[in-house]
């Protein structure tokens, strides 16, 4: 079971349940992938609400690896989700909200980077 206090979420990919988590290492991986200078820049990038399919692959891949699943982005790109692209976007949104704070916690998350 996912521990929201640790930033974990659960998701079903390819019909299998997974825990995903954006650990510090996973966030560093995303900073490098998106050429973000820091966590604030990364949060601002994701805060636009515009995500490409490649962005979803990177975010989900980092979250899977952060939770201990040795899954490469290429494998993530081949995975299926019951709700298709909308399902992938919902998983990525939930994962980012768990890491940075979001509506379900009133936006007041002590781990949330401040501008």
PDB file of N, CA and C in Angstrom:
ATOM      1  N   UNK A   1       0.838  -1.176   0.000  1.00  0.00           N
ATOM      2  CA  UNK A   1       0.000   0.000   0.000  1.00  0.00           C
ATOM      3  C   UNK A   1       0.886   1.244   0.000  1.00  0.00           C
ATOM      4  N   UNK A   2       0.500   2.219  -0.800  1.00  0.00           N
ATOM      5  CA  UNK A   2       1.282   3.448  -0.923  1.00  0.00           C
ATOM      6  C   UNK A   2       1.171   4.297   0.342  1.00  0.00           C
ATOM      7  N   UNK A   3       2.256   4.941   0.693  1.00  0.00           N
ATOM      8  CA  UNK A   3       2.311   5.822   1.855  1.00  0.00           C
ATOM      9  C   UNK A   3       2.345   7.272   1.354  1.00  0.00           C
ATOM     10  N   UNK A   4       1.208   7.959   1.395  1.00  0.00           N
ATOM     11  CA  UNK A   4       1.120   9.335   0.885  1.00  0.00           C
ATOM     12  C   UNK A   4       2.069  10.276   1.618  1.00  0.00           C
ATOM     13  N   UNK A   5       2.336  10.035   2.881  1.00  0.00           N
ATOM     14  CA  UNK A   5       3.251  10.910   3.636  1.00  0.00           C
ATOM     15  C   UNK A   5       4.670  10.840   3.074  1.00  0.00           C
ATOM     16  N   UNK A   6       4.991   9.729   2.432  1.00  0.00           N
ATOM     17  CA  UNK A   6       6.310   9.593   1.800  1.00  0.00           C
ATOM     18  C   UNK A   6       6.258   9.977   0.333  1.00  0.00           C
ATOM     19  N   UNK A   7       5.107  10.428  -0.142  1.00  0.00           N
ATOM     20  CA  UNK A   7       4.981  10.839  -1.533  1.00  0.00           C
ATOM     21  C   UNK A   7       4.695   9.706  -2.488  1.00  0.00           C
ATOM     22  N   UNK A   8       4.258   8.572  -1.954  1.00  0.00           N
ATOM     23  CA  UNK A   8       3.983   7.416  -2.801  1.00  0.00           C
ATOM     24  C   UNK A   8       2.540   7.434  -3.298  1.00  0.00           C
ATOM     25  N   UNK A   9       2.340   6.881  -4.484  1.00  0.00           N
ATOM     26  CA  UNK A   9       0.999   6.645  -5.015  1.00  0.00           C
ATOM     27  C   UNK A   9       0.957   5.229  -5.565  1.00  0.00           C
ATOM     28  N   UNK A  10      -0.247   4.731  -5.780  1.00  0.00           N
ATOM     29  CA  UNK A  10      -0.420   3.441  -6.425  1.00  0.00           C
ATOM     30  C   UNK A  10      -1.021   3.666  -7.802  1.00  0.00           C
ATOM     31  N   UNK A  11      -0.622   2.827  -8.742  1.00  0.00           N
ATOM     32  CA  UNK A  11      -1.162   2.905 -10.100  1.00  0.00           C
ATOM     33  C   UNK A  11      -1.159   1.511 -10.705  1.00  0.00           C
ATOM     34  N   UNK A  12      -2.072   1.292 -11.636  1.00  0.00           N
ATOM     35  CA  UNK A  12      -2.129   0.025 -12.356  1.00  0.00           C
ATOM     36  C   UNK A  12      -1.637   0.284 -13.775  1.00  0.00           C
ATOM     37  N   UNK A  13      -0.559  -0.386 -14.130  1.00  0.00           N
ATOM     38  CA  UNK A  13       0.042  -0.289 -15.461  1.00  0.00           C
ATOM     39  C   UNK A  13       0.200  -1.696 -15.998  1.00  0.00           C
ATOM     40  N   UNK A  14      -0.187  -1.893 -17.232  1.00  0.00           N
ATOM     41  CA  UNK A  14      -0.156  -3.230 -17.835  1.00  0.00           C
ATOM     42  C   UNK A  14      -0.919  -4.242 -16.980  1.00  0.00           C
ATOM     43  N   UNK A  15      -1.968  -3.788 -16.315  1.00  0.00           N
ATOM     44  CA  UNK A  15      -2.792  -4.669 -15.511  1.00  0.00           C
ATOM     45  C   UNK A  15      -2.188  -5.086 -14.184  1.00  0.00           C
ATOM     46  N   UNK A  16      -1.043  -4.494 -13.818  1.00  0.00           N
ATOM     47  CA  UNK A  16      -0.348  -4.837 -12.565  1.00  0.00           C
ATOM     48  C   UNK A  16      -0.274  -3.617 -11.665  1.00  0.00           C
ATOM     49  N   UNK A  17      -0.470  -3.799 -10.364  1.00  0.00           N
ATOM     50  CA  UNK A  17      -0.350  -2.662  -9.442  1.00  0.00           C
ATOM     51  C   UNK A  17       1.119  -2.321  -9.181  1.00  0.00           C
ATOM     52  N   UNK A  18       1.405  -1.042  -9.164  1.00  0.00           N
ATOM     53  CA  UNK A  18       2.750  -0.543  -8.874  1.00  0.00           C
ATOM     54  C   UNK A  18       2.653   0.582  -7.851  1.00  0.00           C
ATOM     55  N   UNK A  19       3.684   0.722  -7.047  1.00  0.00           N
ATOM     56  CA  UNK A  19       3.872   1.910  -6.222  1.00  0.00           C
ATOM     57  C   UNK A  19       4.850   2.793  -6.976  1.00  0.00           C
ATOM     58  N   UNK A  20       4.567   4.110  -7.005  1.00  0.00           N
ATOM     59  CA  UNK A  20       5.456   5.084  -7.630  1.00  0.00           C
ATOM     60  C   UNK A  20       5.808   6.138  -6.593  1.00  0.00           C
ATOM     61  N   UNK A  21       7.014   6.670  -6.657  1.00  0.00           N
ATOM     62  CA  UNK A  21       7.447   7.699  -5.717  1.00  0.00           C
ATOM     63  C   UNK A  21       8.543   8.558  -6.352  1.00  0.00           C
ATOM     64  N   UNK A  22       8.368   9.854  -6.254  1.00  0.00           N
ATOM     65  CA  UNK A  22       9.412  10.765  -6.731  1.00  0.00           C
ATOM     66  C   UNK A  22      10.350  11.076  -5.571  1.00  0.00           C
ATOM     67  N   UNK A  23      11.326  10.187  -5.390  1.00  0.00           N
ATOM     68  CA  UNK A  23      12.348  10.380  -4.375  1.00  0.00           C
ATOM     69  C   UNK A  23      13.253  11.540  -4.790  1.00  0.00           C
ATOM     70  N   UNK A  24      14.170  11.903  -3.922  1.00  0.00           N
ATOM     71  CA  UNK A  24      15.120  12.957  -4.268  1.00  0.00           C
ATOM     72  C   UNK A  24      15.919  12.577  -5.509  1.00  0.00           C
ATOM     73  N   UNK A  25      16.319  11.305  -5.601  1.00  0.00           N
ATOM     74  CA  UNK A  25      17.042  10.842  -6.782  1.00  0.00           C
ATOM     75  C   UNK A  25      16.182  10.904  -8.034  1.00  0.00           C
ATOM     76  N   UNK A  26      14.908  10.545  -7.907  1.00  0.00           N
ATOM     77  CA  UNK A  26      13.995  10.606  -9.049  1.00  0.00           C
ATOM     78  C   UNK A  26      13.783  12.052  -9.483  1.00  0.00           C
ATOM     79  N   UNK A  27      13.685  12.957  -8.531  1.00  0.00           N
ATOM     80  CA  UNK A  27      13.529  14.378  -8.866  1.00  0.00           C
ATOM     81  C   UNK A  27      14.792  14.913  -9.546  1.00  0.00           C
ATOM     82  N   UNK A  28      15.963  14.474  -9.081  1.00  0.00           N
ATOM     83  CA  UNK A  28      17.216  14.880  -9.724  1.00  0.00           C
ATOM     84  C   UNK A  28      17.261  14.354 -11.162  1.00  0.00           C
ATOM     85  N   UNK A  29      16.763  13.139 -11.356  1.00  0.00           N
ATOM     86  CA  UNK A  29      16.683  12.565 -12.704  1.00  0.00           C
ATOM     87  C   UNK A  29      15.792  13.435 -13.596  1.00  0.00           C
ATOM     88  N   UNK A  30      14.653  13.882 -13.056  1.00  0.00           N
ATOM     89  CA  UNK A  30      13.745  14.736 -13.832  1.00  0.00           C
ATOM     90  C   UNK A  30      14.348  16.118 -14.082  1.00  0.00           C
ATOM     91  N   UNK A  31      15.077  16.672 -13.099  1.00  0.00           N
ATOM     92  CA  UNK A  31      15.755  17.956 -13.328  1.00  0.00           C
ATOM     93  C   UNK A  31      16.689  17.845 -14.528  1.00  0.00           C
ATOM     94  N   UNK A  32      17.448  16.770 -14.580  1.00  0.00           N
ATOM     95  CA  UNK A  32      18.383  16.574 -15.691  1.00  0.00           C
ATOM     96  C   UNK A  32      17.627  16.362 -17.005  1.00  0.00           C
ATOM     97  N   UNK A  33      16.587  15.548 -16.978  1.00  0.00           N
ATOM     98  CA  UNK A  33      15.832  15.247 -18.200  1.00  0.00           C
ATOM     99  C   UNK A  33      15.160  16.483 -18.779  1.00  0.00           C
ATOM    100  N   UNK A  34      14.699  17.390 -17.916  1.00  0.00           N
ATOM    101  CA  UNK A  34      13.988  18.581 -18.376  1.00  0.00           C
ATOM    102  C   UNK A  34      14.861  19.840 -18.347  1.00  0.00           C
ATOM    103  N   UNK A  35      16.165  19.669 -18.097  1.00  0.00           N
ATOM    104  CA  UNK A  35      17.114  20.783 -18.047  1.00  0.00           C
ATOM    105  C   UNK A  35      16.623  21.883 -17.110  1.00  0.00           C
ATOM    106  N   UNK A  36      16.093  21.469 -15.958  1.00  0.00           N
ATOM    107  CA  UNK A  36      15.625  22.419 -14.942  1.00  0.00           C
ATOM    108  C   UNK A  36      16.781  22.722 -13.987  1.00  0.00           C
ATOM    109  N   UNK A  37      16.949  23.990 -13.659  1.00  0.00           N
ATOM    110  CA  UNK A  37      18.049  24.390 -12.786  1.00  0.00           C
ATOM    111  C   UNK A  37      17.870  23.937 -11.344  1.00  0.00           C
ATOM    112  N   UNK A  38      16.616  23.817 -10.901  1.00  0.00           N
ATOM    113  CA  UNK A  38      16.344  23.446  -9.519  1.00  0.00           C
ATOM    114  C   UNK A  38      14.915  22.929  -9.395  1.00  0.00           C
ATOM    115  N   UNK A  39      14.523  22.585  -8.163  1.00  0.00           N
ATOM    116  CA  UNK A  39      13.181  22.040  -7.934  1.00  0.00           C
ATOM    117  C   UNK A  39      12.085  23.055  -8.222  1.00  0.00           C
ATOM    118  N   UNK A  40      12.343  24.325  -7.950  1.00  0.00           N
ATOM    119  CA  UNK A  40      11.335  25.352  -8.233  1.00  0.00           C
ATOM    120  C   UNK A  40      11.074  25.411  -9.736  1.00  0.00           C
ATOM    121  N   UNK A  41      12.145  25.393 -10.532  1.00  0.00           N
ATOM    122  CA  UNK A  41      11.984  25.415 -11.991  1.00  0.00           C
ATOM    123  C   UNK A  41      11.244  24.166 -12.471  1.00  0.00           C
ATOM    124  N   UNK A  42      11.537  23.034 -11.853  1.00  0.00           N
ATOM    125  CA  UNK A  42      10.857  21.798 -12.223  1.00  0.00           C
ATOM    126  C   UNK A  42       9.361  21.891 -11.881  1.00  0.00           C
ATOM    127  N   UNK A  43       9.043  22.372 -10.689  1.00  0.00           N
ATOM    128  CA  UNK A  43       7.638  22.528 -10.288  1.00  0.00           C
ATOM    129  C   UNK A  43       6.914  23.515 -11.199  1.00  0.00           C
ATOM    130  N   UNK A  44       7.577  24.597 -11.569  1.00  0.00           N
ATOM    131  CA  UNK A  44       6.967  25.573 -12.482  1.00  0.00           C
ATOM    132  C   UNK A  44       6.721  24.951 -13.846  1.00  0.00           C
ATOM    133  N   UNK A  45       7.652  24.142 -14.311  1.00  0.00           N
ATOM    134  CA  UNK A  45       7.503  23.458 -15.609  1.00  0.00           C
ATOM    135  C   UNK A  45       6.274  22.578 -15.610  1.00  0.00           C
ATOM    136  N   UNK A  46       6.098  21.811 -14.546  1.00  0.00           N
ATOM    137  CA  UNK A  46       4.955  20.915 -14.462  1.00  0.00           C
ATOM    138  C   UNK A  46       3.669  21.667 -14.131  1.00  0.00           C
ATOM    139  N   UNK A  47       3.797  22.809 -13.494  1.00  0.00           N
ATOM    140  CA  UNK A  47       2.637  23.601 -13.111  1.00  0.00           C
ATOM    141  C   UNK A  47       1.884  24.209 -14.271  1.00  0.00           C
ATOM    142  N   UNK A  48       2.457  24.184 -15.459  1.00  0.00           N
ATOM    143  CA  UNK A  48       1.771  24.739 -16.629  1.00  0.00           C
ATOM    144  C   UNK A  48       0.588  23.872 -17.047  1.00  0.00           C
ATOM    145  N   UNK A  49       0.596  22.603 -16.622  1.00  0.00           N
ATOM    146  CA  UNK A  49      -0.476  21.693 -17.013  1.00  0.00           C
ATOM    147  C   UNK A  49      -0.303  21.105 -18.393  1.00  0.00           C
ATOM    148  N   UNK A  50       0.759  21.465 -19.079  1.00  0.00           N
ATOM    149  CA  UNK A  50       1.015  20.955 -20.431  1.00  0.00           C
ATOM    150  C   UNK A  50       2.092  19.883 -20.354  1.00  0.00           C
ATOM    151  N   UNK A  51       1.704  18.650 -20.688  1.00  0.00           N
ATOM    152  CA  UNK A  51       2.643  17.541 -20.666  1.00  0.00           C
ATOM    153  C   UNK A  51       2.584  16.795 -21.994  1.00  0.00           C
ATOM    154  N   UNK A  52       3.742  16.557 -22.578  1.00  0.00           N
ATOM    155  CA  UNK A  52       3.845  15.758 -23.796  1.00  0.00           C
ATOM    156  C   UNK A  52       3.885  14.280 -23.409  1.00  0.00           C
ATOM    157  N   UNK A  53       3.646  13.416 -24.362  1.00  0.00           N
ATOM    158  CA  UNK A  53       3.714  11.974 -24.105  1.00  0.00           C
ATOM    159  C   UNK A  53       5.090  11.591 -23.564  1.00  0.00           C
ATOM    160  N   UNK A  54       6.144  12.179 -24.113  1.00  0.00           N
ATOM    161  CA  UNK A  54       7.503  11.894 -23.631  1.00  0.00           C
ATOM    162  C   UNK A  54       7.672  12.347 -22.182  1.00  0.00           C
ATOM    163  N   UNK A  55       7.005  13.448 -21.800  1.00  0.00           N
ATOM    164  CA  UNK A  55       7.055  13.915 -20.411  1.00  0.00           C
ATOM    165  C   UNK A  55       6.432  12.870 -19.492  1.00  0.00           C
ATOM    166  N   UNK A  56       5.284  12.322 -19.904  1.00  0.00           N
ATOM    167  CA  UNK A  56       4.611  11.311 -19.095  1.00  0.00           C
ATOM    168  C   UNK A  56       5.498  10.087 -18.914  1.00  0.00           C
ATOM    169  N   UNK A  57       6.164   9.667 -19.975  1.00  0.00           N
ATOM    170  CA  UNK A  57       7.069   8.520 -19.882  1.00  0.00           C
ATOM    171  C   UNK A  57       8.175   8.800 -18.872  1.00  0.00           C
ATOM    172  N   UNK A  58       8.778   9.968 -18.944  1.00  0.00           N
ATOM    173  CA  UNK A  58       9.876  10.315 -18.027  1.00  0.00           C
ATOM    174  C   UNK A  58       9.394  10.399 -16.583  1.00  0.00           C
ATOM    175  N   UNK A  59       8.250  11.037 -16.361  1.00  0.00           N
ATOM    176  CA  UNK A  59       7.726  11.197 -15.009  1.00  0.00           C
ATOM    177  C   UNK A  59       7.370   9.835 -14.404  1.00  0.00           C
ATOM    178  N   UNK A  60       6.635   9.024 -15.162  1.00  0.00           N
ATOM    179  CA  UNK A  60       6.254   7.711 -14.651  1.00  0.00           C
ATOM    180  C   UNK A  60       7.474   6.819 -14.461  1.00  0.00           C
ATOM    181  N   UNK A  61       8.412   6.879 -15.391  1.00  0.00           N
ATOM    182  CA  UNK A  61       9.636   6.086 -15.254  1.00  0.00           C
ATOM    183  C   UNK A  61      10.415   6.466 -14.003  1.00  0.00           C
ATOM    184  N   UNK A  62      10.572   7.752 -13.765  1.00  0.00           N
ATOM    185  CA  UNK A  62      11.286   8.209 -12.573  1.00  0.00           C
ATOM    186  C   UNK A  62      10.543   7.780 -11.309  1.00  0.00           C
ATOM    187  N   UNK A  63       9.216   7.873 -11.338  1.00  0.00           N
ATOM    188  CA  UNK A  63       8.416   7.463 -10.185  1.00  0.00           C
ATOM    189  C   UNK A  63       8.500   5.971  -9.915  1.00  0.00           C
ATOM    190  N   UNK A  64       8.498   5.176 -10.966  1.00  0.00           N
ATOM    191  CA  UNK A  64       8.653   3.727 -10.800  1.00  0.00           C
ATOM    192  C   UNK A  64      10.025   3.385 -10.235  1.00  0.00           C
ATOM    193  N   UNK A  65      11.067   3.979 -10.812  1.00  0.00           N
ATOM    194  CA  UNK A  65      12.419   3.715 -10.317  1.00  0.00           C
ATOM    195  C   UNK A  65      12.599   4.231  -8.895  1.00  0.00           C
ATOM    196  N   UNK A  66      11.978   5.381  -8.596  1.00  0.00           N
ATOM    197  CA  UNK A  66      12.061   5.928  -7.238  1.00  0.00           C
ATOM    198  C   UNK A  66      11.448   5.003  -6.201  1.00  0.00           C
ATOM    199  N   UNK A  67      10.474   4.207  -6.623  1.00  0.00           N
ATOM    200  CA  UNK A  67       9.836   3.246  -5.725  1.00  0.00           C
ATOM    201  C   UNK A  67      10.512   1.878  -5.762  1.00  0.00           C
ATOM    202  N   UNK A  68      11.609   1.765  -6.519  1.00  0.00           N
ATOM    203  CA  UNK A  68      12.384   0.536  -6.512  1.00  0.00           C
ATOM    204  C   UNK A  68      12.135  -0.425  -7.657  1.00  0.00           C
ATOM    205  N   UNK A  69      11.361  -0.014  -8.645  1.00  0.00           N
ATOM    206  CA  UNK A  69      11.117  -0.874  -9.808  1.00  0.00           C
ATOM    207  C   UNK A  69      12.168  -0.572 -10.883  1.00  0.00           C
ATOM    208  N   UNK A  70      13.000  -1.533 -11.240  1.00  0.00           N
ATOM    209  CA  UNK A  70      14.049  -1.292 -12.248  1.00  0.00           C
ATOM    210  C   UNK A  70      13.476  -1.327 -13.669  1.00  0.00           C
ATOM    211  N   UNK A  71      12.730  -0.280 -14.008  1.00  0.00           N
ATOM    212  CA  UNK A  71      12.038  -0.227 -15.296  1.00  0.00           C
ATOM    213  C   UNK A  71      12.564   0.968 -16.086  1.00  0.00           C
ATOM    214  N   UNK A  72      13.077   0.705 -17.279  1.00  0.00           N
ATOM    215  CA  UNK A  72      13.610   1.760 -18.142  1.00  0.00           C
ATOM    216  C   UNK A  72      12.466   2.520 -18.807  1.00  0.00           C
ATOM    217  N   UNK A  73      12.746   3.756 -19.209  1.00  0.00           N
ATOM    218  CA  UNK A  73      11.733   4.563 -19.888  1.00  0.00           C
ATOM    219  C   UNK A  73      11.190   3.878 -21.139  1.00  0.00           C
ATOM    220  N   UNK A  74      12.037   3.136 -21.841  1.00  0.00           N
ATOM    221  CA  UNK A  74      11.588   2.439 -23.039  1.00  0.00           C
ATOM    222  C   UNK A  74      10.492   1.432 -22.709  1.00  0.00           C
ATOM    223  N   UNK A  75      10.612   0.775 -21.558  1.00  0.00           N
ATOM    224  CA  UNK A  75       9.581  -0.174 -21.129  1.00  0.00           C
ATOM    225  C   UNK A  75       8.316   0.564 -20.701  1.00  0.00           C
ATOM    226  N   UNK A  76       8.479   1.686 -20.021  1.00  0.00           N
ATOM    227  CA  UNK A  76       7.327   2.497 -19.621  1.00  0.00           C
ATOM    228  C   UNK A  76       6.545   2.922 -20.862  1.00  0.00           C
ATOM    229  N   UNK A  77       7.250   3.295 -21.912  1.00  0.00           N
ATOM    230  CA  UNK A  77       6.607   3.749 -23.150  1.00  0.00           C
ATOM    231  C   UNK A  77       5.747   2.661 -23.785  1.00  0.00           C
ATOM    232  N   UNK A  78       6.048   1.411 -23.505  1.00  0.00           N
ATOM    233  CA  UNK A  78       5.276   0.302 -24.071  1.00  0.00           C
ATOM    234  C   UNK A  78       4.142  -0.152 -23.160  1.00  0.00           C
ATOM    235  N   UNK A  79       4.070   0.386 -21.947  1.00  0.00           N
ATOM    236  CA  UNK A  79       3.044  -0.038 -20.992  1.00  0.00           C
ATOM    237  C   UNK A  79       1.674   0.480 -21.396  1.00  0.00           C
ATOM    238  N   UNK A  80       0.665  -0.214 -20.915  1.00  0.00           N
ATOM    239  CA  UNK A  80      -0.706   0.198 -21.142  1.00  0.00           C
ATOM    240  C   UNK A  80      -1.346   0.661 -19.844  1.00  0.00           C
ATOM    241  N   UNK A  81      -2.400   1.433 -20.002  1.00  0.00           N
ATOM    242  CA  UNK A  81      -3.155   1.949 -18.865  1.00  0.00           C
ATOM    243  C   UNK A  81      -4.636   1.832 -19.225  1.00  0.00           C
ATOM    244  N   UNK A  82      -5.451   1.402 -18.275  1.00  0.00           N
ATOM    245  CA  UNK A  82      -6.869   1.162 -18.542  1.00  0.00           C
ATOM    246  C   UNK A  82      -7.564   2.369 -19.156  1.00  0.00           C
ATOM    247  N   UNK A  83      -7.206   3.562 -18.755  1.00  0.00           N
ATOM    248  CA  UNK A  83      -7.856   4.767 -19.261  1.00  0.00           C
ATOM    249  C   UNK A  83      -7.050   5.460 -20.361  1.00  0.00           C
ATOM    250  N   UNK A  84      -6.097   4.757 -20.940  1.00  0.00           N
ATOM    251  CA  UNK A  84      -5.319   5.314 -22.033  1.00  0.00           C
ATOM    252  C   UNK A  84      -4.513   6.534 -21.621  1.00  0.00           C
ATOM    253  N   UNK A  85      -4.389   7.477 -22.526  1.00  0.00           N
ATOM    254  CA  UNK A  85      -3.578   8.673 -22.280  1.00  0.00           C
ATOM    255  C   UNK A  85      -4.103   9.449 -21.073  1.00  0.00           C
ATOM    256  N   UNK A  86      -5.419   9.531 -20.942  1.00  0.00           N
ATOM    257  CA  UNK A  86      -5.997  10.239 -19.793  1.00  0.00           C
ATOM    258  C   UNK A  86      -5.579   9.574 -18.486  1.00  0.00           C
ATOM    259  N   UNK A  87      -5.503   8.254 -18.491  1.00  0.00           N
ATOM    260  CA  UNK A  87      -5.063   7.531 -17.297  1.00  0.00           C
ATOM    261  C   UNK A  87      -3.609   7.804 -16.963  1.00  0.00           C
ATOM    262  N   UNK A  88      -2.759   7.810 -17.993  1.00  0.00           N
ATOM    263  CA  UNK A  88      -1.341   8.138 -17.772  1.00  0.00           C
ATOM    264  C   UNK A  88      -1.197   9.555 -17.212  1.00  0.00           C
ATOM    265  N   UNK A  89      -1.950  10.494 -17.773  1.00  0.00           N
ATOM    266  CA  UNK A  89      -1.889  11.883 -17.294  1.00  0.00           C
ATOM    267  C   UNK A  89      -2.359  11.975 -15.853  1.00  0.00           C
ATOM    268  N   UNK A  90      -3.404  11.235 -15.501  1.00  0.00           N
ATOM    269  CA  UNK A  90      -3.913  11.256 -14.126  1.00  0.00           C
ATOM    270  C   UNK A  90      -2.879  10.691 -13.150  1.00  0.00           C
ATOM    271  N   UNK A  91      -2.187   9.638 -13.553  1.00  0.00           N
ATOM    272  CA  UNK A  91      -1.147   9.050 -12.701  1.00  0.00           C
ATOM    273  C   UNK A  91      -0.013  10.051 -12.500  1.00  0.00           C
ATOM    274  N   UNK A  92       0.444  10.676 -13.590  1.00  0.00           N
ATOM    275  CA  UNK A  92       1.524  11.657 -13.487  1.00  0.00           C
ATOM    276  C   UNK A  92       1.111  12.833 -12.607  1.00  0.00           C
ATOM    277  N   UNK A  93      -0.122  13.303 -12.770  1.00  0.00           N
ATOM    278  CA  UNK A  93      -0.617  14.422 -11.968  1.00  0.00           C
ATOM    279  C   UNK A  93      -0.648  14.049 -10.488  1.00  0.00           C
ATOM    280  N   UNK A  94      -1.142  12.856 -10.175  1.00  0.00           N
ATOM    281  CA  UNK A  94      -1.187  12.401  -8.783  1.00  0.00           C
ATOM    282  C   UNK A  94       0.216  12.264  -8.198  1.00  0.00           C
ATOM    283  N   UNK A  95       1.146  11.775  -9.014  1.00  0.00           N
ATOM    284  CA  UNK A  95       2.522  11.606  -8.557  1.00  0.00           C
ATOM    285  C   UNK A  95       3.172  12.952  -8.272  1.00  0.00           C
ATOM    286  N   UNK A  96       2.982  13.914  -9.172  1.00  0.00           N
ATOM    287  CA  UNK A  96       3.544  15.251  -8.958  1.00  0.00           C
ATOM    288  C   UNK A  96       2.902  15.929  -7.750  1.00  0.00           C
ATOM    289  N   UNK A  97       1.594  15.749  -7.579  1.00  0.00           N
ATOM    290  CA  UNK A  97       0.913  16.334  -6.418  1.00  0.00           C
ATOM    291  C   UNK A  97       1.434  15.721  -5.126  1.00  0.00           C
ATOM    292  N   UNK A  98       1.710  14.421  -5.145  1.00  0.00           N
ATOM    293  CA  UNK A  98       2.245  13.764  -3.951  1.00  0.00           C
ATOM    294  C   UNK A  98       3.637  14.289  -3.607  1.00  0.00           C
ATOM    295  N   UNK A  99       4.419  14.619  -4.628  1.00  0.00           N
ATOM    296  CA  UNK A  99       5.784  15.105  -4.401  1.00  0.00           C
ATOM    297  C   UNK A  99       5.827  16.587  -4.044  1.00  0.00           C
ATOM    298  N   UNK A 100       5.032  17.395  -4.746  1.00  0.00           N
ATOM    299  CA  UNK A 100       5.113  18.847  -4.594  1.00  0.00           C
ATOM    300  C   UNK A 100       3.970  19.452  -3.795  1.00  0.00           C
ATOM    301  N   UNK A 101       2.951  18.697  -3.511  1.00  0.00           N
ATOM    302  CA  UNK A 101       1.768  19.231  -2.845  1.00  0.00           C
ATOM    303  C   UNK A 101       0.737  19.576  -3.890  1.00  0.00           C
ATOM    304  N   UNK A 102      -0.509  19.465  -3.520  1.00  0.00           N
ATOM    305  CA  UNK A 102      -1.572  19.741  -4.478  1.00  0.00           C
ATOM    306  C   UNK A 102      -2.883  19.988  -3.789  1.00  0.00           C
ATOM    307  N   UNK A 103      -3.945  19.937  -4.561  1.00  0.00           N
ATOM    308  CA  UNK A 103      -5.273  20.275  -4.063  1.00  0.00           C
ATOM    309  C   UNK A 103      -5.688  19.404  -2.890  1.00  0.00           C
ATOM    310  N   UNK A 104      -5.324  18.118  -2.906  1.00  0.00           N
ATOM    311  CA  UNK A 104      -5.791  17.242  -1.848  1.00  0.00           C
ATOM    312  C   UNK A 104      -5.162  17.554  -0.497  1.00  0.00           C
ATOM    313  N   UNK A 105      -4.064  18.288  -0.475  1.00  0.00           N
ATOM    314  CA  UNK A 105      -3.498  18.685   0.814  1.00  0.00           C
ATOM    315  C   UNK A 105      -3.559  20.197   0.991  1.00  0.00           C
ATOM    316  N   UNK A 106      -4.434  20.834   0.224  1.00  0.00           N
ATOM    317  CA  UNK A 106      -4.603  22.277   0.337  1.00  0.00           C
ATOM    318  C   UNK A 106      -3.435  23.060  -0.205  1.00  0.00           C
ATOM    319  N   UNK A 107      -2.509  22.381  -0.886  1.00  0.00           N
ATOM    320  CA  UNK A 107      -1.345  23.063  -1.425  1.00  0.00           C
ATOM    321  C   UNK A 107      -0.307  23.375  -0.365  1.00  0.00           C
ATOM    322  N   UNK A 108      -0.581  22.965   0.860  1.00  0.00           N
ATOM    323  CA  UNK A 108       0.347  23.234   1.954  1.00  0.00           C
ATOM    324  C   UNK A 108       1.121  21.976   2.297  1.00  0.00           C
ATOM    325  N   UNK A 109       2.145  21.716   1.568  1.00  0.00           N
ATOM    326  CA  UNK A 109       2.973  20.548   1.767  1.00  0.00           C
ATOM    327  C   UNK A 109       4.354  21.048   2.174  1.00  0.00           C
ATOM    328  N   UNK A 110       4.861  20.614   3.330  1.00  0.00           N
ATOM    329  CA  UNK A 110       6.179  21.102   3.761  1.00  0.00           C
ATOM    330  C   UNK A 110       7.297  20.736   2.804  1.00  0.00           C
ATOM    331  N   UNK A 111       7.077  19.753   1.927  1.00  0.00           N
ATOM    332  CA  UNK A 111       8.103  19.383   0.947  1.00  0.00           C
ATOM    333  C   UNK A 111       8.007  20.240  -0.302  1.00  0.00           C
ATOM    334  N   UNK A 112       6.981  21.062  -0.408  1.00  0.00           N
ATOM    335  CA  UNK A 112       6.734  21.833  -1.617  1.00  0.00           C
ATOM    336  C   UNK A 112       7.752  22.985  -1.739  1.00  0.00           C
ATOM    337  N   UNK A 113       8.437  23.062  -2.869  1.00  0.00           N
ATOM    338  CA  UNK A 113       9.396  24.157  -3.050  1.00  0.00           C
ATOM    339  C   UNK A 113       8.657  25.507  -3.090  1.00  0.00           C
ATOM    340  N   UNK A 114       9.227  26.496  -2.494  1.00  0.00           N
ATOM    341  CA  UNK A 114       8.650  27.843  -2.503  1.00  0.00           C
ATOM    342  C   UNK A 114       9.449  28.731  -3.446  1.00  0.00           C
ATOM    343  N   UNK A 115       8.746  29.568  -4.172  1.00  0.00           N
ATOM    344  CA  UNK A 115       9.407  30.487  -5.119  1.00  0.00           C
ATOM    345  C   UNK A 115       9.981  31.675  -4.387  1.00  0.00           C
TER     346      UNK A 115
END
